[in-house]
Amino acid sequence: MSTTQHLLDLEQERRRALVEEDHARVAQLFADDLVYVHTTGLVQGKADYLDYARTAVQYLAIERGELQVRFYGEGLAVMTGPQCNTLQKRGGDQPIRGEGFATQVWALGEQGWQIASFHATRSPA
């Protein structure tokens, strides 16, 4: 399997883990020094993002369009492409659909490939 396909598989695993609320797996896919920038501009580290995913929102679906993966050396890759999240606030009953574009920086370290940076922007209305 190519490294590109491996990263695409890990991205699919991230989406599955968030929707199925497999927070232990989500934690494995994010680096300890994660910088996560939401479409709202909220910036979180790993602990805050994991808490957000556990307590603030429920991901109902995460769709990705065609993804591009570019490598910068042996252990750094940038994945870019469209993303559409369907989620709802915990305790809420109205799903929210957010379409946008995401840039992920994947770094290869002792734990394998992990997302070190995730930055999403909302598509113009």
PDB file of N, CA and C in Angstrom:
ATOM      1  N   MET A   1       0.845  -1.174   0.000  1.00  0.00           N
ATOM      2  CA  MET A   1       0.000   0.000   0.000  1.00  0.00           C
ATOM      3  C   MET A   1       0.891   1.237   0.000  1.00  0.00           C
ATOM      4  N   SER A   2       0.514   2.197  -0.804  1.00  0.00           N
ATOM      5  CA  SER A   2       1.291   3.436  -0.861  1.00  0.00           C
ATOM      6  C   SER A   2       1.037   4.275   0.386  1.00  0.00           C
ATOM      7  N   THR A   3       1.968   5.176   0.677  1.00  0.00           N
ATOM      8  CA  THR A   3       1.802   6.076   1.812  1.00  0.00           C
ATOM      9  C   THR A   3       0.600   6.985   1.594  1.00  0.00           C
ATOM     10  N   THR A   4       0.374   7.413   0.365  1.00  0.00           N
ATOM     11  CA  THR A   4      -0.798   8.239   0.068  1.00  0.00           C
ATOM     12  C   THR A   4      -2.071   7.489   0.439  1.00  0.00           C
ATOM     13  N   GLN A   5      -2.189   6.241   0.017  1.00  0.00           N
ATOM     14  CA  GLN A   5      -3.389   5.463   0.331  1.00  0.00           C
ATOM     15  C   GLN A   5      -3.513   5.238   1.834  1.00  0.00           C
ATOM     16  N   HIS A   6      -2.388   5.025   2.501  1.00  0.00           N
ATOM     17  CA  HIS A   6      -2.405   4.839   3.955  1.00  0.00           C
ATOM     18  C   HIS A   6      -2.975   6.082   4.643  1.00  0.00           C
ATOM     19  N   LEU A   7      -2.547   7.262   4.218  1.00  0.00           N
ATOM     20  CA  LEU A   7      -3.064   8.505   4.809  1.00  0.00           C
ATOM     21  C   LEU A   7      -4.541   8.697   4.491  1.00  0.00           C
ATOM     22  N   LEU A   8      -4.960   8.375   3.282  1.00  0.00           N
ATOM     23  CA  LEU A   8      -6.376   8.463   2.940  1.00  0.00           C
ATOM     24  C   LEU A   8      -7.202   7.502   3.803  1.00  0.00           C
ATOM     25  N   ASP A   9      -6.670   6.324   4.067  1.00  0.00           N
ATOM     26  CA  ASP A   9      -7.343   5.368   4.944  1.00  0.00           C
ATOM     27  C   ASP A   9      -7.425   5.904   6.375  1.00  0.00           C
ATOM     28  N   LEU A  10      -6.345   6.544   6.846  1.00  0.00           N
ATOM     29  CA  LEU A  10      -6.366   7.126   8.192  1.00  0.00           C
ATOM     30  C   LEU A  10      -7.383   8.266   8.277  1.00  0.00           C
ATOM     31  N   GLU A  11      -7.512   9.039   7.218  1.00  0.00           N
ATOM     32  CA  GLU A  11      -8.520  10.104   7.199  1.00  0.00           C
ATOM     33  C   GLU A  11      -9.924   9.511   7.252  1.00  0.00           C
ATOM     34  N   GLN A  12     -10.140   8.435   6.531  1.00  0.00           N
ATOM     35  CA  GLN A  12     -11.442   7.758   6.601  1.00  0.00           C
ATOM     36  C   GLN A  12     -11.684   7.231   8.019  1.00  0.00           C
ATOM     37  N   GLU A  13     -10.653   6.742   8.650  1.00  0.00           N
ATOM     38  CA  GLU A  13     -10.743   6.248  10.024  1.00  0.00           C
ATOM     39  C   GLU A  13     -11.080   7.393  10.989  1.00  0.00           C
ATOM     40  N   ARG A  14     -10.502   8.583  10.774  1.00  0.00           N
ATOM     41  CA  ARG A  14     -10.817   9.748  11.611  1.00  0.00           C
ATOM     42  C   ARG A  14     -12.299  10.070  11.526  1.00  0.00           C
ATOM     43  N   ARG A  15     -12.815  10.080  10.313  1.00  0.00           N
ATOM     44  CA  ARG A  15     -14.232  10.390  10.126  1.00  0.00           C
ATOM     45  C   ARG A  15     -15.112   9.339  10.799  1.00  0.00           C
ATOM     46  N   ARG A  16     -14.787   8.078  10.599  1.00  0.00           N
ATOM     47  CA  ARG A  16     -15.554   7.003  11.226  1.00  0.00           C
ATOM     48  C   ARG A  16     -15.528   7.133  12.741  1.00  0.00           C
ATOM     49  N   ALA A  17     -14.351   7.364  13.298  1.00  0.00           N
ATOM     50  CA  ALA A  17     -14.204   7.439  14.748  1.00  0.00           C
ATOM     51  C   ALA A  17     -15.001   8.601  15.334  1.00  0.00           C
ATOM     52  N   LEU A  18     -15.026   9.740  14.660  1.00  0.00           N
ATOM     53  CA  LEU A  18     -15.803  10.876  15.165  1.00  0.00           C
ATOM     54  C   LEU A  18     -17.297  10.585  15.126  1.00  0.00           C
ATOM     55  N   VAL A  19     -17.783  10.031  14.018  1.00  0.00           N
ATOM     56  CA  VAL A  19     -19.214   9.751  13.889  1.00  0.00           C
ATOM     57  C   VAL A  19     -19.647   8.662  14.876  1.00  0.00           C
ATOM     58  N   GLU A  20     -18.806   7.650  15.066  1.00  0.00           N
ATOM     59  CA  GLU A  20     -19.146   6.543  15.970  1.00  0.00           C
ATOM     60  C   GLU A  20     -18.755   6.832  17.415  1.00  0.00           C
ATOM     61  N   GLU A  21     -18.231   8.015  17.659  1.00  0.00           N
ATOM     62  CA  GLU A  21     -17.812   8.449  18.991  1.00  0.00           C
ATOM     63  C   GLU A  21     -16.780   7.511  19.623  1.00  0.00           C
ATOM     64  N   ASP A  22     -15.848   7.081  18.797  1.00  0.00           N
ATOM     65  CA  ASP A  22     -14.706   6.282  19.239  1.00  0.00           C
ATOM     66  C   ASP A  22     -13.592   7.265  19.601  1.00  0.00           C
ATOM     67  N   HIS A  23     -13.755   7.915  20.756  1.00  0.00           N
ATOM     68  CA  HIS A  23     -12.857   9.011  21.123  1.00  0.00           C
ATOM     69  C   HIS A  23     -11.433   8.545  21.405  1.00  0.00           C
ATOM     70  N   ALA A  24     -11.262   7.307  21.817  1.00  0.00           N
ATOM     71  CA  ALA A  24      -9.911   6.786  22.021  1.00  0.00           C
ATOM     72  C   ALA A  24      -9.169   6.736  20.680  1.00  0.00           C
ATOM     73  N   ARG A  25      -9.866   6.320  19.636  1.00  0.00           N
ATOM     74  CA  ARG A  25      -9.236   6.268  18.311  1.00  0.00           C
ATOM     75  C   ARG A  25      -8.975   7.666  17.779  1.00  0.00           C
ATOM     76  N   VAL A  26      -9.918   8.581  17.998  1.00  0.00           N
ATOM     77  CA  VAL A  26      -9.701   9.975  17.583  1.00  0.00           C
ATOM     78  C   VAL A  26      -8.425  10.499  18.230  1.00  0.00           C
ATOM     79  N   ALA A  27      -8.259  10.239  19.510  1.00  0.00           N
ATOM     80  CA  ALA A  27      -7.076  10.712  20.237  1.00  0.00           C
ATOM     81  C   ALA A  27      -5.788  10.155  19.631  1.00  0.00           C
ATOM     82  N   GLN A  28      -5.816   8.911  19.173  1.00  0.00           N
ATOM     83  CA  GLN A  28      -4.627   8.311  18.567  1.00  0.00           C
ATOM     84  C   GLN A  28      -4.257   8.975  17.241  1.00  0.00           C
ATOM     85  N   LEU A  29      -5.245   9.484  16.534  1.00  0.00           N
ATOM     86  CA  LEU A  29      -5.002  10.051  15.209  1.00  0.00           C
ATOM     87  C   LEU A  29      -4.501  11.490  15.252  1.00  0.00           C
ATOM     88  N   PHE A  30      -4.610  12.144  16.411  1.00  0.00           N
ATOM     89  CA  PHE A  30      -4.150  13.515  16.553  1.00  0.00           C
ATOM     90  C   PHE A  30      -2.875  13.559  17.376  1.00  0.00           C
ATOM     91  N   ALA A  31      -1.915  14.356  16.925  1.00  0.00           N
ATOM     92  CA  ALA A  31      -0.645  14.526  17.647  1.00  0.00           C
ATOM     93  C   ALA A  31      -0.888  15.293  18.944  1.00  0.00           C
ATOM     94  N   ASP A  32      -0.035  15.083  19.912  1.00  0.00           N
ATOM     95  CA  ASP A  32      -0.176  15.757  21.208  1.00  0.00           C
ATOM     96  C   ASP A  32      -0.103  17.269  21.081  1.00  0.00           C
ATOM     97  N   ASP A  33       0.636  17.767  20.079  1.00  0.00           N
ATOM     98  CA  ASP A  33       0.775  19.224  19.891  1.00  0.00           C
ATOM     99  C   ASP A  33      -0.186  19.762  18.828  1.00  0.00           C
ATOM    100  N   LEU A  34      -1.302  19.077  18.648  1.00  0.00           N
ATOM    101  CA  LEU A  34      -2.303  19.458  17.658  1.00  0.00           C
ATOM    102  C   LEU A  34      -2.722  20.920  17.776  1.00  0.00           C
ATOM    103  N   VAL A  35      -2.881  21.565  16.615  1.00  0.00           N
ATOM    104  CA  VAL A  35      -3.544  22.865  16.511  1.00  0.00           C
ATOM    105  C   VAL A  35      -4.746  22.630  15.608  1.00  0.00           C
ATOM    106  N   TYR A  36      -5.949  22.796  16.168  1.00  0.00           N
ATOM    107  CA  TYR A  36      -7.196  22.542  15.437  1.00  0.00           C
ATOM    108  C   TYR A  36      -7.939  23.859  15.301  1.00  0.00           C
ATOM    109  N   VAL A  37      -8.147  24.302  14.055  1.00  0.00           N
ATOM    110  CA  VAL A  37      -8.847  25.554  13.791  1.00  0.00           C
ATOM    111  C   VAL A  37     -10.193  25.212  13.150  1.00  0.00           C
ATOM    112  N   HIS A  38     -11.272  25.524  13.863  1.00  0.00           N
ATOM    113  CA  HIS A  38     -12.622  25.271  13.379  1.00  0.00           C
ATOM    114  C   HIS A  38     -13.033  26.320  12.349  1.00  0.00           C
ATOM    115  N   THR A  39     -14.107  26.053  11.623  1.00  0.00           N
ATOM    116  CA  THR A  39     -14.623  27.009  10.639  1.00  0.00           C
ATOM    117  C   THR A  39     -15.078  28.307  11.294  1.00  0.00           C
ATOM    118  N   THR A  40     -15.360  28.261  12.570  1.00  0.00           N
ATOM    119  CA  THR A  40     -15.786  29.463  13.302  1.00  0.00           C
ATOM    120  C   THR A  40     -14.613  30.329  13.718  1.00  0.00           C
ATOM    121  N   GLY A  41     -13.393  29.808  13.576  1.00  0.00           N
ATOM    122  CA  GLY A  41     -12.212  30.527  14.024  1.00  0.00           C
ATOM    123  C   GLY A  41     -11.726  30.074  15.389  1.00  0.00           C
ATOM    124  N   LEU A  42     -12.514  29.242  16.066  1.00  0.00           N
ATOM    125  CA  LEU A  42     -12.096  28.697  17.362  1.00  0.00           C
ATOM    126  C   LEU A  42     -10.836  27.864  17.171  1.00  0.00           C
ATOM    127  N   VAL A  43      -9.821  28.116  17.997  1.00  0.00           N
ATOM    128  CA  VAL A  43      -8.560  27.381  17.928  1.00  0.00           C
ATOM    129  C   VAL A  43      -8.424  26.549  19.199  1.00  0.00           C
ATOM    130  N   GLN A  44      -8.163  25.266  19.018  1.00  0.00           N
ATOM    131  CA  GLN A  44      -8.046  24.365  20.161  1.00  0.00           C
ATOM    132  C   GLN A  44      -6.817  23.485  20.030  1.00  0.00           C
ATOM    133  N   GLY A  45      -6.287  23.088  21.184  1.00  0.00           N
ATOM    134  CA  GLY A  45      -5.273  22.058  21.249  1.00  0.00           C
ATOM    135  C   GLY A  45      -5.959  20.703  21.334  1.00  0.00           C
ATOM    136  N   LYS A  46      -5.181  19.657  21.467  1.00  0.00           N
ATOM    137  CA  LYS A  46      -5.722  18.301  21.459  1.00  0.00           C
ATOM    138  C   LYS A  46      -6.712  18.060  22.592  1.00  0.00           C
ATOM    139  N   ALA A  47      -6.354  18.380  23.814  1.00  0.00           N
ATOM    140  CA  ALA A  47      -7.241  18.104  24.954  1.00  0.00           C
ATOM    141  C   ALA A  47      -8.566  18.842  24.814  1.00  0.00           C
ATOM    142  N   ASP A  48      -8.496  20.116  24.420  1.00  0.00           N
ATOM    143  CA  ASP A  48      -9.722  20.897  24.267  1.00  0.00           C
ATOM    144  C   ASP A  48     -10.580  20.379  23.117  1.00  0.00           C
ATOM    145  N   TYR A  49      -9.952  19.979  22.016  1.00  0.00           N
ATOM    146  CA  TYR A  49     -10.729  19.451  20.898  1.00  0.00           C
ATOM    147  C   TYR A  49     -11.414  18.141  21.287  1.00  0.00           C
ATOM    148  N   LEU A  50     -10.685  17.258  21.949  1.00  0.00           N
ATOM    149  CA  LEU A  50     -11.285  15.982  22.361  1.00  0.00           C
ATOM    150  C   LEU A  50     -12.451  16.216  23.315  1.00  0.00           C
ATOM    151  N   ASP A  51     -12.307  17.173  24.229  1.00  0.00           N
ATOM    152  CA  ASP A  51     -13.394  17.505  25.142  1.00  0.00           C
ATOM    153  C   ASP A  51     -14.594  18.062  24.364  1.00  0.00           C
ATOM    154  N   TYR A  52     -14.327  18.913  23.398  1.00  0.00           N
ATOM    155  CA  TYR A  52     -15.370  19.477  22.532  1.00  0.00           C
ATOM    156  C   TYR A  52     -16.130  18.357  21.817  1.00  0.00           C
ATOM    157  N   ALA A  53     -15.407  17.400  21.245  1.00  0.00           N
ATOM    158  CA  ALA A  53     -16.037  16.302  20.509  1.00  0.00           C
ATOM    159  C   ALA A  53     -16.843  15.396  21.448  1.00  0.00           C
ATOM    160  N   ARG A  54     -16.415  15.273  22.691  1.00  0.00           N
ATOM    161  CA  ARG A  54     -17.118  14.428  23.656  1.00  0.00           C
ATOM    162  C   ARG A  54     -18.350  15.103  24.251  1.00  0.00           C
ATOM    163  N   THR A  55     -18.261  16.419  24.502  1.00  0.00           N
ATOM    164  CA  THR A  55     -19.284  17.067  25.318  1.00  0.00           C
ATOM    165  C   THR A  55     -20.098  18.147  24.623  1.00  0.00           C
ATOM    166  N   ALA A  56     -19.582  18.761  23.568  1.00  0.00           N
ATOM    167  CA  ALA A  56     -20.274  19.906  22.976  1.00  0.00           C
ATOM    168  C   ALA A  56     -21.075  19.554  21.726  1.00  0.00           C
ATOM    169  N   VAL A  57     -20.545  18.676  20.892  1.00  0.00           N
ATOM    170  CA  VAL A  57     -21.206  18.353  19.628  1.00  0.00           C
ATOM    171  C   VAL A  57     -21.217  16.851  19.397  1.00  0.00           C
ATOM    172  N   GLN A  58     -22.127  16.449  18.519  1.00  0.00           N
ATOM    173  CA  GLN A  58     -22.163  15.067  18.044  1.00  0.00           C
ATOM    174  C   GLN A  58     -22.056  15.117  16.532  1.00  0.00           C
ATOM    175  N   TYR A  59     -21.041  14.472  15.984  1.00  0.00           N
ATOM    176  CA  TYR A  59     -20.875  14.398  14.531  1.00  0.00           C
ATOM    177  C   TYR A  59     -21.831  13.335  13.988  1.00  0.00           C
ATOM    178  N   LEU A  60     -22.718  13.731  13.096  1.00  0.00           N
ATOM    179  CA  LEU A  60     -23.666  12.806  12.496  1.00  0.00           C
ATOM    180  C   LEU A  60     -23.124  12.229  11.190  1.00  0.00           C
ATOM    181  N   ALA A  61     -22.362  13.027  10.461  1.00  0.00           N
ATOM    182  CA  ALA A  61     -21.740  12.581   9.209  1.00  0.00           C
ATOM    183  C   ALA A  61     -20.594  13.532   8.872  1.00  0.00           C
ATOM    184  N   ILE A  62     -19.565  12.980   8.258  1.00  0.00           N
ATOM    185  CA  ILE A  62     -18.446  13.777   7.753  1.00  0.00           C
ATOM    186  C   ILE A  62     -18.145  13.259   6.352  1.00  0.00           C
ATOM    187  N   GLU A  63     -18.332  14.129   5.382  1.00  0.00           N
ATOM    188  CA  GLU A  63     -18.091  13.756   3.993  1.00  0.00           C
ATOM    189  C   GLU A  63     -16.866  14.526   3.491  1.00  0.00           C
ATOM    190  N   ARG A  64     -16.081  13.856   2.687  1.00  0.00           N
ATOM    191  CA  ARG A  64     -14.932  14.497   2.051  1.00  0.00           C
ATOM    192  C   ARG A  64     -15.046  14.324   0.558  1.00  0.00           C
ATOM    193  N   GLY A  65     -14.654  15.344  -0.183  1.00  0.00           N
ATOM    194  CA  GLY A  65     -14.563  15.240  -1.636  1.00  0.00           C
ATOM    195  C   GLY A  65     -13.194  14.689  -2.001  1.00  0.00           C
ATOM    196  N   GLU A  66     -12.761  14.977  -3.200  1.00  0.00           N
ATOM    197  CA  GLU A  66     -11.448  14.509  -3.651  1.00  0.00           C
ATOM    198  C   GLU A  66     -10.350  15.167  -2.816  1.00  0.00           C
ATOM    199  N   LEU A  67      -9.468  14.350  -2.307  1.00  0.00           N
ATOM    200  CA  LEU A  67      -8.388  14.838  -1.452  1.00  0.00           C
ATOM    201  C   LEU A  67      -7.061  14.773  -2.201  1.00  0.00           C
ATOM    202  N   GLN A  68      -6.257  15.808  -2.016  1.00  0.00           N
ATOM    203  CA  GLN A  68      -4.896  15.816  -2.547  1.00  0.00           C
ATOM    204  C   GLN A  68      -3.939  15.635  -1.381  1.00  0.00           C
ATOM    205  N   VAL A  69      -2.909  14.834  -1.606  1.00  0.00           N
ATOM    206  CA  VAL A  69      -1.880  14.617  -0.600  1.00  0.00           C
ATOM    207  C   VAL A  69      -0.542  14.976  -1.225  1.00  0.00           C
ATOM    208  N   ARG A  70       0.163  15.908  -0.578  1.00  0.00           N
ATOM    209  CA  ARG A  70       1.495  16.315  -1.038  1.00  0.00           C
ATOM    210  C   ARG A  70       2.490  16.024   0.083  1.00  0.00           C
ATOM    211  N   PHE A  71       3.653  15.524  -0.296  1.00  0.00           N
ATOM    212  CA  PHE A  71       4.678  15.162   0.685  1.00  0.00           C
ATOM    213  C   PHE A  71       5.811  16.172   0.677  1.00  0.00           C
ATOM    214  N   TYR A  72       6.327  16.434   1.868  1.00  0.00           N
ATOM    215  CA  TYR A  72       7.456  17.339   2.058  1.00  0.00           C
ATOM    216  C   TYR A  72       8.479  16.582   2.895  1.00  0.00           C
ATOM    217  N   GLY A  73       9.311  15.821   2.227  1.00  0.00           N
ATOM    218  CA  GLY A  73      10.252  14.960   2.922  1.00  0.00           C
ATOM    219  C   GLY A  73       9.585  13.628   3.264  1.00  0.00           C
ATOM    220  N   GLU A  74      10.257  12.863   4.093  1.00  0.00           N
ATOM    221  CA  GLU A  74       9.797  11.516   4.432  1.00  0.00           C
ATOM    222  C   GLU A  74       8.642  11.506   5.427  1.00  0.00           C
ATOM    223  N   GLY A  75       8.580  12.504   6.299  1.00  0.00           N
ATOM    224  CA  GLY A  75       7.647  12.417   7.410  1.00  0.00           C
ATOM    225  C   GLY A  75       6.668  13.552   7.538  1.00  0.00           C
ATOM    226  N   LEU A  76       6.385  14.265   6.442  1.00  0.00           N
ATOM    227  CA  LEU A  76       5.443  15.376   6.513  1.00  0.00           C
ATOM    228  C   LEU A  76       4.585  15.369   5.256  1.00  0.00           C
ATOM    229  N   ALA A  77       3.274  15.404   5.448  1.00  0.00           N
ATOM    230  CA  ALA A  77       2.347  15.425   4.319  1.00  0.00           C
ATOM    231  C   ALA A  77       1.246  16.441   4.598  1.00  0.00           C
ATOM    232  N   VAL A  78       0.782  17.085   3.540  1.00  0.00           N
ATOM    233  CA  VAL A  78      -0.328  18.024   3.627  1.00  0.00           C
ATOM    234  C   VAL A  78      -1.472  17.457   2.794  1.00  0.00           C
ATOM    235  N   MET A  79      -2.623  17.289   3.443  1.00  0.00           N
ATOM    236  CA  MET A  79      -3.826  16.777   2.793  1.00  0.00           C
ATOM    237  C   MET A  79      -4.830  17.923   2.699  1.00  0.00           C
ATOM    238  N   THR A  80      -5.373  18.152   1.497  1.00  0.00           N
ATOM    239  CA  THR A  80      -6.335  19.229   1.308  1.00  0.00           C
ATOM    240  C   THR A  80      -7.533  18.720   0.527  1.00  0.00           C
ATOM    241  N   GLY A  81      -8.679  19.337   0.803  1.00  0.00           N
ATOM    242  CA  GLY A  81      -9.869  19.000   0.039  1.00  0.00           C
ATOM    243  C   GLY A  81     -11.136  19.441   0.730  1.00  0.00           C
ATOM    244  N   PRO A  82     -12.248  19.344   0.005  1.00  0.00           N
ATOM    245  CA  PRO A  82     -13.529  19.767   0.555  1.00  0.00           C
ATOM    246  C   PRO A  82     -13.988  18.854   1.687  1.00  0.00           C
ATOM    247  N   GLN A  83     -14.790  19.442   2.563  1.00  0.00           N
ATOM    248  CA  GLN A  83     -15.332  18.688   3.695  1.00  0.00           C
ATOM    249  C   GLN A  83     -16.730  19.219   4.007  1.00  0.00           C
ATOM    250  N   CYS A  84     -17.614  18.322   4.353  1.00  0.00           N
ATOM    251  CA  CYS A  84     -18.948  18.709   4.796  1.00  0.00           C
ATOM    252  C   CYS A  84     -19.265  17.946   6.075  1.00  0.00           C
ATOM    253  N   ASN A  85     -19.442  18.681   7.164  1.00  0.00           N
ATOM    254  CA  ASN A  85     -19.809  18.083   8.445  1.00  0.00           C
ATOM    255  C   ASN A  85     -21.291  18.285   8.705  1.00  0.00           C
ATOM    256  N   THR A  86     -21.949  17.248   9.147  1.00  0.00           N
ATOM    257  CA  THR A  86     -23.299  17.362   9.672  1.00  0.00           C
ATOM    258  C   THR A  86     -23.193  17.009  11.141  1.00  0.00           C
ATOM    259  N   LEU A  87     -23.574  17.947  11.992  1.00  0.00           N
ATOM    260  CA  LEU A  87     -23.451  17.728  13.426  1.00  0.00           C
ATOM    261  C   LEU A  87     -24.588  18.418  14.155  1.00  0.00           C
ATOM    262  N   GLN A  88     -24.684  18.136  15.433  1.00  0.00           N
ATOM    263  CA  GLN A  88     -25.639  18.859  16.256  1.00  0.00           C
ATOM    264  C   GLN A  88     -25.034  19.076  17.622  1.00  0.00           C
ATOM    265  N   LYS A  89     -25.464  20.138  18.257  1.00  0.00           N
ATOM    266  CA  LYS A  89     -25.017  20.413  19.615  1.00  0.00           C
ATOM    267  C   LYS A  89     -25.607  19.362  20.535  1.00  0.00           C
ATOM    268  N   ARG A  90     -24.860  18.944  21.517  1.00  0.00           N
ATOM    269  CA  ARG A  90     -25.363  17.967  22.482  1.00  0.00           C
ATOM    270  C   ARG A  90     -26.586  18.565  23.176  1.00  0.00           C
ATOM    271  N   GLY A  91     -27.647  17.794  23.233  1.00  0.00           N
ATOM    272  CA  GLY A  91     -28.878  18.279  23.821  1.00  0.00           C
ATOM    273  C   GLY A  91     -29.753  19.033  22.838  1.00  0.00           C
ATOM    274  N   GLY A  92     -29.242  19.294  21.657  1.00  0.00           N
ATOM    275  CA  GLY A  92     -30.015  20.002  20.636  1.00  0.00           C
ATOM    276  C   GLY A  92     -30.722  19.012  19.731  1.00  0.00           C
ATOM    277  N   ASP A  93     -31.623  19.524  18.924  1.00  0.00           N
ATOM    278  CA  ASP A  93     -32.339  18.631  18.023  1.00  0.00           C
ATOM    279  C   ASP A  93     -32.247  19.055  16.565  1.00  0.00           C
ATOM    280  N   GLN A  94     -31.558  20.139  16.283  1.00  0.00           N
ATOM    281  CA  GLN A  94     -31.439  20.627  14.919  1.00  0.00           C
ATOM    282  C   GLN A  94     -30.047  20.328  14.367  1.00  0.00           C
ATOM    283  N   PRO A  95     -29.951  19.443  13.375  1.00  0.00           N
ATOM    284  CA  PRO A  95     -28.645  19.209  12.752  1.00  0.00           C
ATOM    285  C   PRO A  95     -28.162  20.473  12.039  1.00  0.00           C
ATOM    286  N   ILE A  96     -26.859  20.652  12.043  1.00  0.00           N
ATOM    287  CA  ILE A  96     -26.202  21.766  11.373  1.00  0.00           C
ATOM    288  C   ILE A  96     -25.305  21.172  10.300  1.00  0.00           C
ATOM    289  N   ARG A  97     -25.394  21.704   9.109  1.00  0.00           N
ATOM    290  CA  ARG A  97     -24.558  21.217   8.002  1.00  0.00           C
ATOM    291  C   ARG A  97     -23.577  22.322   7.640  1.00  0.00           C
ATOM    292  N   GLY A  98     -22.311  22.007   7.699  1.00  0.00           N
ATOM    293  CA  GLY A  98     -21.274  22.983   7.389  1.00  0.00           C
ATOM    294  C   GLY A  98     -20.383  22.498   6.268  1.00  0.00           C
ATOM    295  N   GLU A  99     -20.405  23.208   5.152  1.00  0.00           N
ATOM    296  CA  GLU A  99     -19.555  22.854   4.020  1.00  0.00           C
ATOM    297  C   GLU A  99     -18.346  23.765   3.985  1.00  0.00           C
ATOM    298  N   GLY A 100     -17.201  23.209   3.634  1.00  0.00           N
ATOM    299  CA  GLY A 100     -15.996  24.011   3.590  1.00  0.00           C
ATOM    300  C   GLY A 100     -14.832  23.271   2.973  1.00  0.00           C
ATOM    301  N   PHE A 101     -13.655  23.698   3.365  1.00  0.00           N
ATOM    302  CA  PHE A 101     -12.397  23.167   2.841  1.00  0.00           C
ATOM    303  C   PHE A 101     -11.473  22.947   4.026  1.00  0.00           C
ATOM    304  N   ALA A 102     -10.771  21.831   4.037  1.00  0.00           N
ATOM    305  CA  ALA A 102      -9.883  21.522   5.158  1.00  0.00           C
ATOM    306  C   ALA A 102      -8.463  21.255   4.683  1.00  0.00           C
ATOM    307  N   THR A 103      -7.527  21.733   5.483  1.00  0.00           N
ATOM    308  CA  THR A 103      -6.106  21.468   5.286  1.00  0.00           C
ATOM    309  C   THR A 103      -5.608  20.740   6.524  1.00  0.00           C
ATOM    310  N   GLN A 104      -5.011  19.583   6.309  1.00  0.00           N
ATOM    311  CA  GLN A 104      -4.477  18.781   7.408  1.00  0.00           C
ATOM    312  C   GLN A 104      -2.979  18.577   7.192  1.00  0.00           C
ATOM    313  N   VAL A 105      -2.227  18.770   8.246  1.00  0.00           N
ATOM    314  CA  VAL A 105      -0.806  18.457   8.219  1.00  0.00           C
ATOM    315  C   VAL A 105      -0.614  17.145   8.975  1.00  0.00           C
ATOM    316  N   TRP A 106      -0.129  16.160   8.273  1.00  0.00           N
ATOM    317  CA  TRP A 106       0.157  14.839   8.856  1.00  0.00           C
ATOM    318  C   TRP A 106       1.664  14.734   9.090  1.00  0.00           C
ATOM    319  N   ALA A 107       2.030  14.308  10.287  1.00  0.00           N
ATOM    320  CA  ALA A 107       3.448  14.146  10.638  1.00  0.00           C
ATOM    321  C   ALA A 107       3.696  12.702  11.073  1.00  0.00           C
ATOM    322  N   LEU A 108       4.807  12.161  10.637  1.00  0.00           N
ATOM    323  CA  LEU A 108       5.192  10.802  11.001  1.00  0.00           C
ATOM    324  C   LEU A 108       6.115  10.859  12.212  1.00  0.00           C
ATOM    325  N   GLY A 109       5.685  10.237  13.295  1.00  0.00           N
ATOM    326  CA  GLY A 109       6.470  10.216  14.523  1.00  0.00           C
ATOM    327  C   GLY A 109       6.451   8.838  15.156  1.00  0.00           C
ATOM    328  N   GLU A 110       6.783   8.778  16.433  1.00  0.00           N
ATOM    329  CA  GLU A 110       6.845   7.502  17.153  1.00  0.00           C
ATOM    330  C   GLU A 110       5.506   6.781  17.178  1.00  0.00           C
ATOM    331  N   GLN A 111       4.400   7.528  17.119  1.00  0.00           N
ATOM    332  CA  GLN A 111       3.061   6.942  17.139  1.00  0.00           C
ATOM    333  C   GLN A 111       2.527   6.649  15.732  1.00  0.00           C
ATOM    334  N   GLY A 112       3.372   6.798  14.722  1.00  0.00           N
ATOM    335  CA  GLY A 112       2.926   6.638  13.340  1.00  0.00           C
ATOM    336  C   GLY A 112       2.456   7.978  12.802  1.00  0.00           C
ATOM    337  N   TRP A 113       1.677   7.954  11.731  1.00  0.00           N
ATOM    338  CA  TRP A 113       1.157   9.172  11.131  1.00  0.00           C
ATOM    339  C   TRP A 113       0.044   9.735  12.003  1.00  0.00           C
ATOM    340  N   GLN A 114       0.157  11.027  12.328  1.00  0.00           N
ATOM    341  CA  GLN A 114      -0.858  11.720  13.111  1.00  0.00           C
ATOM    342  C   GLN A 114      -1.084  13.116  12.529  1.00  0.00           C
ATOM    343  N   ILE A 115      -2.265  13.657  12.796  1.00  0.00           N
ATOM    344  CA  ILE A 115      -2.584  15.010  12.359  1.00  0.00           C
ATOM    345  C   ILE A 115      -2.001  15.986  13.374  1.00  0.00           C
ATOM    346  N   ALA A 116      -1.100  16.841  12.904  1.00  0.00           N
ATOM    347  CA  ALA A 116      -0.490  17.854  13.764  1.00  0.00           C
ATOM    348  C   ALA A 116      -1.240  19.180  13.659  1.00  0.00           C
ATOM    349  N   SER A 117      -1.881  19.406  12.517  1.00  0.00           N
ATOM    350  CA  SER A 117      -2.632  20.645  12.319  1.00  0.00           C
ATOM    351  C   SER A 117      -3.838  20.351  11.443  1.00  0.00           C
ATOM    352  N   PHE A 118      -4.981  20.904  11.837  1.00  0.00           N
ATOM    353  CA  PHE A 118      -6.216  20.760  11.070  1.00  0.00           C
ATOM    354  C   PHE A 118      -6.837  22.145  11.007  1.00  0.00           C
ATOM    355  N   HIS A 119      -7.054  22.643   9.796  1.00  0.00           N
ATOM    356  CA  HIS A 119      -7.598  23.985   9.626  1.00  0.00           C
ATOM    357  C   HIS A 119      -8.739  23.925   8.614  1.00  0.00           C
ATOM    358  N   ALA A 120      -9.933  24.282   9.068  1.00  0.00           N
ATOM    359  CA  ALA A 120     -11.095  24.242   8.200  1.00  0.00           C
ATOM    360  C   ALA A 120     -11.631  25.644   7.965  1.00  0.00           C
ATOM    361  N   THR A 121     -12.083  25.886   6.752  1.00  0.00           N
ATOM    362  CA  THR A 121     -12.730  27.155   6.423  1.00  0.00           C
ATOM    363  C   THR A 121     -14.112  26.837   5.849  1.00  0.00           C
ATOM    364  N   ARG A 122     -15.051  27.688   6.156  1.00  0.00           N
ATOM    365  CA  ARG A 122     -16.420  27.511   5.677  1.00  0.00           C
ATOM    366  C   ARG A 122     -16.537  28.047   4.255  1.00  0.00           C
ATOM    367  N   SER A 123     -17.311  27.351   3.445  1.00  0.00           N
ATOM    368  CA  SER A 123     -17.577  27.833   2.089  1.00  0.00           C
ATOM    369  C   SER A 123     -18.453  29.064   2.166  1.00  0.00           C
ATOM    370  N   PRO A 124     -18.262  30.023   1.245  1.00  0.00           N
ATOM    371  CA  PRO A 124     -19.116  31.210   1.241  1.00  0.00           C
ATOM    372  C   PRO A 124     -20.578  30.813   1.028  1.00  0.00           C
ATOM    373  N   ALA A 125     -21.463  31.524   1.706  1.00  0.00           N
ATOM    374  CA  ALA A 125     -22.904  31.210   1.595  1.00  0.00           C
ATOM    375  C   ALA A 125     -23.450  31.610   0.251  1.00  0.00           C
TER     376      ALA A 125
END
